[in-house]
Each structure stands twice: as structure tokens, then as C-alpha cells.
Amino acid sequence: MLQRLRRYRTESLADLRGYVRKKAPDLDVLFVPAVDLLFLLGLVEYHPKTDSFEYVGP
């Protein structure tokens, strides 16, 4: 997930969740905790108007 965000810089919530489901369907349960961790580490920002995440890390 982080690799995809680094490549595209911004990704909608639906597209990112679809990517995770495609790669590992059984790990979809960990999607929200993973996004929360990336947010707490300051690697992503959430934009509510576009319902998307932006990679802002190093």
C-alpha cells in the first residue's frame, strides 16, 4: 500500500482499498489500522473533499 502511494502520490480511498483486496483479499481487515498507522507516522494526509490520501513522507 505504501509503495503504491509513493508511486502515485494521491489515491482515492476506494482505489487504495481495491488495490489491497486485489493483492491480498484476506488482509482487507487490516486496511483501516494500516492507514491509521501511516497517518500517525505522518506519511499520509487525508483529504475529505476528494476522499483521498496523499503521500507526504520522505
C-alpha atoms as a PDB file:
ATOM      1  CA  MET A   1       0.000   0.000   0.000  1.00  0.00           C
ATOM      2  CA  LEU A   2       2.788   2.409   0.886  1.00  0.00           C
ATOM      3  CA  GLN A   3       4.605   1.527  -2.310  1.00  0.00           C
ATOM      4  CA  ARG A   4       1.530   2.420  -4.365  1.00  0.00           C
ATOM      5  CA  LEU A   5       1.079   5.709  -2.511  1.00  0.00           C
ATOM      6  CA  ARG A   6       4.714   6.585  -3.122  1.00  0.00           C
ATOM      7  CA  ARG A   7       4.310   5.921  -6.844  1.00  0.00           C
ATOM      8  CA  TYR A   8       1.039   7.798  -7.430  1.00  0.00           C
ATOM      9  CA  ARG A   9       1.278  10.378  -4.579  1.00  0.00           C
ATOM     10  CA  THR A  10      -2.531  10.588  -4.263  1.00  0.00           C
ATOM     11  CA  GLU A  11      -5.002   7.759  -4.263  1.00  0.00           C
ATOM     12  CA  SER A  12      -8.707   7.638  -3.548  1.00  0.00           C
ATOM     13  CA  LEU A  13      -9.888   5.547  -0.636  1.00  0.00           C
ATOM     14  CA  ALA A  14     -11.837   3.207  -2.920  1.00  0.00           C
ATOM     15  CA  ASP A  15      -8.896   2.679  -5.281  1.00  0.00           C
ATOM     16  CA  LEU A  16      -6.485   2.023  -2.437  1.00  0.00           C
ATOM     17  CA  ARG A  17      -8.847  -0.444  -0.779  1.00  0.00           C
ATOM     18  CA  GLY A  18      -9.415  -2.173  -4.126  1.00  0.00           C
ATOM     19  CA  TYR A  19      -5.661  -2.488  -4.583  1.00  0.00           C
ATOM     20  CA  VAL A  20      -5.317  -4.152  -1.169  1.00  0.00           C
ATOM     21  CA  ARG A  21      -8.225  -6.510  -1.890  1.00  0.00           C
ATOM     22  CA  LYS A  22      -6.670  -7.478  -5.211  1.00  0.00           C
ATOM     23  CA  LYS A  23      -3.223  -8.171  -3.746  1.00  0.00           C
ATOM     24  CA  ALA A  24      -4.295  -9.898  -0.530  1.00  0.00           C
ATOM     25  CA  PRO A  25      -8.057 -10.361  -0.024  1.00  0.00           C
ATOM     26  CA  ASP A  26      -7.650 -11.832   3.450  1.00  0.00           C
ATOM     27  CA  LEU A  27      -5.739  -8.756   4.668  1.00  0.00           C
ATOM     28  CA  ASP A  28      -8.599  -6.342   3.938  1.00  0.00           C
ATOM     29  CA  VAL A  29      -9.389  -6.438   7.666  1.00  0.00           C
ATOM     30  CA  LEU A  30      -6.076  -4.685   8.348  1.00  0.00           C
ATOM     31  CA  PHE A  31      -6.691  -1.870   5.862  1.00  0.00           C
ATOM     32  CA  VAL A  32      -8.033   0.693   8.339  1.00  0.00           C
ATOM     33  CA  PRO A  33      -5.380   0.037  11.017  1.00  0.00           C
ATOM     34  CA  ALA A  34      -2.649   0.271   8.360  1.00  0.00           C
ATOM     35  CA  VAL A  35      -3.963   3.605   7.090  1.00  0.00           C
ATOM     36  CA  ASP A  36      -4.252   4.849  10.675  1.00  0.00           C
ATOM     37  CA  LEU A  37      -0.633   3.931  11.332  1.00  0.00           C
ATOM     38  CA  LEU A  38       0.579   5.698   8.185  1.00  0.00           C
ATOM     39  CA  PHE A  39      -1.401   8.771   9.238  1.00  0.00           C
ATOM     40  CA  LEU A  40       0.008   8.732  12.780  1.00  0.00           C
ATOM     41  CA  LEU A  41       3.550   8.395  11.425  1.00  0.00           C
ATOM     42  CA  GLY A  42       2.953  11.475   9.286  1.00  0.00           C
ATOM     43  CA  LEU A  43       3.441   9.636   6.000  1.00  0.00           C
ATOM     44  CA  VAL A  44      -0.023  10.322   4.576  1.00  0.00           C
ATOM     45  CA  GLU A  45      -2.625  13.068   4.742  1.00  0.00           C
ATOM     46  CA  TYR A  46      -6.346  12.592   4.226  1.00  0.00           C
ATOM     47  CA  HIS A  47      -8.301  14.999   2.028  1.00  0.00           C
ATOM     48  CA  PRO A  48     -12.021  14.738   2.824  1.00  0.00           C
ATOM     49  CA  LYS A  49     -13.206  16.768  -0.189  1.00  0.00           C
ATOM     50  CA  THR A  50     -11.778  14.213  -2.602  1.00  0.00           C
ATOM     51  CA  ASP A  51     -11.898  11.261  -0.175  1.00  0.00           C
ATOM     52  CA  SER A  52      -8.262  10.522  -0.947  1.00  0.00           C
ATOM     53  CA  PHE A  53      -4.899  10.045   0.672  1.00  0.00           C
ATOM     54  CA  GLU A  54      -1.758  11.907  -0.268  1.00  0.00           C
ATOM     55  CA  TYR A  55       1.723  10.585   0.420  1.00  0.00           C
ATOM     56  CA  VAL A  56       3.770  13.306   2.158  1.00  0.00           C
ATOM     57  CA  GLY A  57       6.572  11.220   3.684  1.00  0.00           C
ATOM     58  CA  PRO A  58      10.268  11.378   2.880  1.00  0.00           C
END
